[in-house]
Amino acid sequence: MDNYISLTLFKDWSAKIEAHSGEKQIEEALSRYVLVKTTKDSIDNQSPFLLKNNLFARSRKEGLLESNFDTHLRKILIEVMYWNKVAQHGFVSLHINLVKLHNRREPLRVLMENVMLIVRDYNHIMNLINEKEKGLFSEHLESLNKDIRTGINKLTWSNNADAFVHLCRGSCRDTLRKIKAF
């Protein structure tokens, strides 16, 4: 069983992720901006599977926020966590790039969750108001968009984003309070 794990399973997995697990590829994936706004093109160019899913299709609207974390890197992070447990028993040896990535797993997980809180708050606000109300609250929405623009244009996954998260969540909370008061 040990030989099967180390010689077959681990070897196959290593070969499969080789294109995404180099130091350059990992740093490239972490240099993406943390947020992205959906555009008409991104909605039209999604996979046919997602287009057939009514729940997913209804939730994607132009102008909403999405997390911009690399999906291949997320999958590798999850798999490395389990292979690291196997490596502790001496059956396999992880590449140094994967060990470094595993050591960054917890700060990345916290950042991903915090970014998703911003996405949820912002999208809730945008789904709560209609086009006429967007005109009424344009000044408040522009202030909110200005705060969020940092995550779309400057902040990457390799940065510490605690101040950004705090600022954006506060802006979302203030904007939502004003909308609910209206």
Protein backbone atom coordinates (compact mmCIF):
# COMPACT_ATOMS: atom_id res chain seq x y z
CA MET A 1 0.00 0.00 0.00
CA ASP A 2 2.87 2.36 0.84
CA ASN A 3 4.48 1.76 -2.55
CA TYR A 4 1.17 2.34 -4.32
CA ILE A 5 0.75 5.69 -2.52
CA SER A 6 4.29 6.91 -3.11
CA LEU A 7 5.04 5.43 -6.51
CA THR A 8 1.67 5.68 -8.22
CA LEU A 9 -0.73 8.12 -6.61
CA PHE A 10 1.80 10.77 -5.60
CA LYS A 11 3.69 10.51 -8.89
CA ASP A 12 0.47 10.91 -10.89
CA TRP A 13 -0.63 13.85 -8.77
CA SER A 14 2.77 15.55 -9.07
CA ALA A 15 2.72 15.19 -12.84
CA LYS A 16 -0.82 16.53 -13.03
CA ILE A 17 -0.10 19.72 -11.09
CA GLU A 18 3.40 20.33 -12.44
CA ALA A 19 2.22 23.08 -14.79
CA HIS A 20 0.73 25.05 -11.87
CA SER A 21 3.14 24.29 -9.03
CA GLY A 22 6.32 26.04 -10.12
CA GLU A 23 7.50 29.00 -8.09
CA LYS A 24 6.86 31.34 -11.01
CA GLN A 25 3.33 29.99 -11.55
CA ILE A 26 2.46 30.22 -7.85
CA GLU A 27 3.73 33.80 -7.60
CA GLU A 28 1.89 34.67 -10.82
CA ALA A 29 -1.35 33.27 -9.38
CA LEU A 30 -0.84 35.21 -6.14
CA SER A 31 -0.14 38.44 -8.04
CA ARG A 32 -3.73 38.58 -9.31
CA TYR A 33 -5.91 41.33 -7.88
CA VAL A 34 -8.17 40.14 -5.07
CA LEU A 35 -11.44 41.37 -6.58
CA VAL A 36 -12.95 41.56 -10.02
CA LYS A 37 -16.21 43.11 -11.21
CA THR A 38 -18.36 41.07 -13.53
CA THR A 39 -18.73 42.43 -17.03
CA LYS A 40 -21.04 41.47 -19.85
CA ASP A 41 -18.15 39.64 -21.55
CA SER A 42 -17.29 37.59 -18.43
CA ILE A 43 -20.93 36.55 -18.07
CA ASP A 44 -21.26 35.63 -21.76
CA ASN A 45 -17.97 33.69 -21.80
CA GLN A 46 -18.69 31.42 -18.84
CA SER A 47 -18.74 27.67 -19.32
CA PRO A 48 -21.82 26.00 -20.84
CA PHE A 49 -22.31 23.99 -17.64
CA LEU A 50 -22.74 27.21 -15.63
CA LEU A 51 -25.07 28.69 -18.23
CA LYS A 52 -27.41 25.69 -17.84
CA ASN A 53 -27.46 26.09 -14.05
CA ASN A 54 -30.39 28.48 -13.43
CA LEU A 55 -29.39 29.34 -9.89
CA PHE A 56 -25.86 30.31 -10.90
CA ALA A 57 -27.00 32.15 -14.03
CA ARG A 58 -29.44 34.31 -12.04
CA SER A 59 -26.80 35.20 -9.46
CA ARG A 60 -24.30 36.56 -12.00
CA LYS A 61 -25.18 40.08 -13.00
CA GLU A 62 -23.09 42.80 -14.53
CA GLY A 63 -21.39 45.08 -11.98
CA LEU A 64 -21.24 42.63 -9.09
CA LEU A 65 -18.02 41.64 -7.34
CA GLU A 66 -16.31 38.26 -7.43
CA SER A 67 -13.26 36.88 -5.71
CA ASN A 68 -10.34 36.61 -8.13
CA PHE A 69 -8.43 33.75 -6.48
CA ASP A 70 -6.90 31.29 -8.93
CA THR A 71 -9.00 28.10 -8.97
CA HIS A 72 -6.04 25.84 -9.79
CA LEU A 73 -4.10 27.26 -6.85
CA ARG A 74 -7.07 26.73 -4.53
CA LYS A 75 -7.26 23.09 -5.59
CA ILE A 76 -3.50 22.66 -5.09
CA LEU A 77 -3.72 24.23 -1.61
CA ILE A 78 -6.36 21.72 -0.56
CA GLU A 79 -4.50 18.76 -2.02
CA VAL A 80 -1.14 19.83 -0.56
CA MET A 81 -2.71 19.91 2.88
CA TYR A 82 -3.54 16.20 2.60
CA TRP A 83 -0.28 15.21 0.90
CA ASN A 84 1.57 16.99 3.71
CA LYS A 85 -0.12 14.63 6.18
CA VAL A 86 1.10 11.68 4.12
CA ALA A 87 4.58 13.24 3.92
CA GLN A 88 4.75 13.40 7.72
CA HIS A 89 4.72 9.60 7.73
CA GLY A 90 7.66 9.48 5.33
CA PHE A 91 5.88 8.00 2.31
CA VAL A 92 6.36 10.99 0.00
CA SER A 93 8.47 14.12 -0.19
CA LEU A 94 6.82 17.37 -1.26
CA HIS A 95 8.63 19.82 -3.55
CA ILE A 96 9.93 22.91 -1.75
CA ASN A 97 7.51 25.17 -3.67
CA LEU A 98 4.59 23.13 -2.36
CA VAL A 99 5.95 23.24 1.18
CA LYS A 100 6.25 27.03 0.96
CA LEU A 101 2.71 27.23 -0.41
CA HIS A 102 1.47 25.00 2.41
CA ASN A 103 3.08 27.35 4.95
CA ARG A 104 1.12 30.26 3.43
CA ARG A 105 -2.15 28.32 3.47
CA GLU A 106 -3.67 29.78 6.64
CA PRO A 107 -3.07 33.50 5.84
CA LEU A 108 -4.44 32.88 2.32
CA ARG A 109 -7.51 31.12 3.71
CA VAL A 110 -8.23 34.03 6.06
CA LEU A 111 -7.78 36.54 3.24
CA MET A 112 -10.07 34.52 0.92
CA GLU A 113 -12.79 34.42 3.58
CA ASN A 114 -12.46 38.14 4.28
CA VAL A 115 -12.62 38.96 0.58
CA MET A 116 -15.76 36.83 0.29
CA LEU A 117 -17.32 38.86 3.12
CA ILE A 118 -16.69 42.02 1.10
CA VAL A 119 -18.15 40.36 -2.02
CA ARG A 120 -21.24 39.26 -0.10
CA ASP A 121 -21.82 42.70 1.47
CA TYR A 122 -21.28 44.60 -1.78
CA ASN A 123 -23.44 42.27 -3.88
CA HIS A 124 -26.18 42.39 -1.26
CA ILE A 125 -26.27 46.18 -1.57
CA MET A 126 -26.29 46.06 -5.37
CA ASN A 127 -29.08 43.45 -5.44
CA LEU A 128 -31.11 45.35 -2.86
CA ILE A 129 -31.57 48.52 -4.90
CA ASN A 130 -33.05 49.01 -8.36
CA GLU A 131 -31.83 51.30 -11.14
CA LYS A 132 -33.82 54.35 -9.94
CA GLU A 133 -32.51 53.94 -6.41
CA LYS A 134 -28.97 53.61 -7.76
CA GLY A 135 -29.40 57.12 -9.14
CA LEU A 136 -30.58 58.38 -5.76
CA PHE A 137 -27.67 56.82 -3.93
CA SER A 138 -25.07 57.45 -6.63
CA GLU A 139 -22.89 59.58 -4.34
CA HIS A 140 -22.82 56.88 -1.63
CA LEU A 141 -22.27 54.10 -4.18
CA GLU A 142 -19.41 56.04 -5.77
CA SER A 143 -17.77 56.40 -2.35
CA LEU A 144 -18.18 52.65 -1.79
CA ASN A 145 -16.79 51.87 -5.26
CA LYS A 146 -13.81 54.13 -4.56
CA ASP A 147 -12.95 52.09 -1.47
CA ILE A 148 -13.40 48.79 -3.32
CA ARG A 149 -11.37 49.94 -6.34
CA THR A 150 -8.18 49.26 -4.35
CA GLY A 151 -8.99 45.54 -4.36
CA ILE A 152 -9.76 45.61 -8.08
CA ASN A 153 -6.71 47.62 -9.22
CA LYS A 154 -3.93 47.42 -6.59
CA LEU A 155 -4.23 44.77 -3.88
CA THR A 156 -3.00 41.25 -4.68
CA TRP A 157 -3.26 37.94 -2.84
CA SER A 158 0.33 38.21 -1.66
CA ASN A 159 -0.39 41.45 0.27
CA ASN A 160 -1.66 41.87 3.80
CA ALA A 161 -5.19 43.21 3.36
CA ASP A 162 -6.47 43.66 6.92
CA ALA A 163 -6.86 47.45 6.60
CA PHE A 164 -8.54 47.08 3.20
CA VAL A 165 -11.03 44.51 4.53
CA HIS A 166 -11.86 46.68 7.53
CA LEU A 167 -12.35 49.78 5.36
CA CYS A 168 -14.53 48.03 2.77
CA ARG A 169 -16.72 46.24 5.30
CA GLY A 170 -17.25 49.55 7.14
CA SER A 171 -18.15 51.32 3.89
CA CYS A 172 -20.57 48.54 2.96
CA ARG A 173 -22.16 48.67 6.42
CA ASP A 174 -22.57 52.48 6.25
CA THR A 175 -24.01 52.39 2.74
CA LEU A 176 -26.43 49.60 3.64
CA ARG A 177 -27.57 51.50 6.74
CA LYS A 178 -28.33 54.58 4.62
CA ILE A 179 -30.24 52.51 2.07
CA LYS A 180 -32.29 50.76 4.74
CA ALA A 181 -33.05 54.10 6.41
CA PHE A 182 -34.43 55.34 3.07
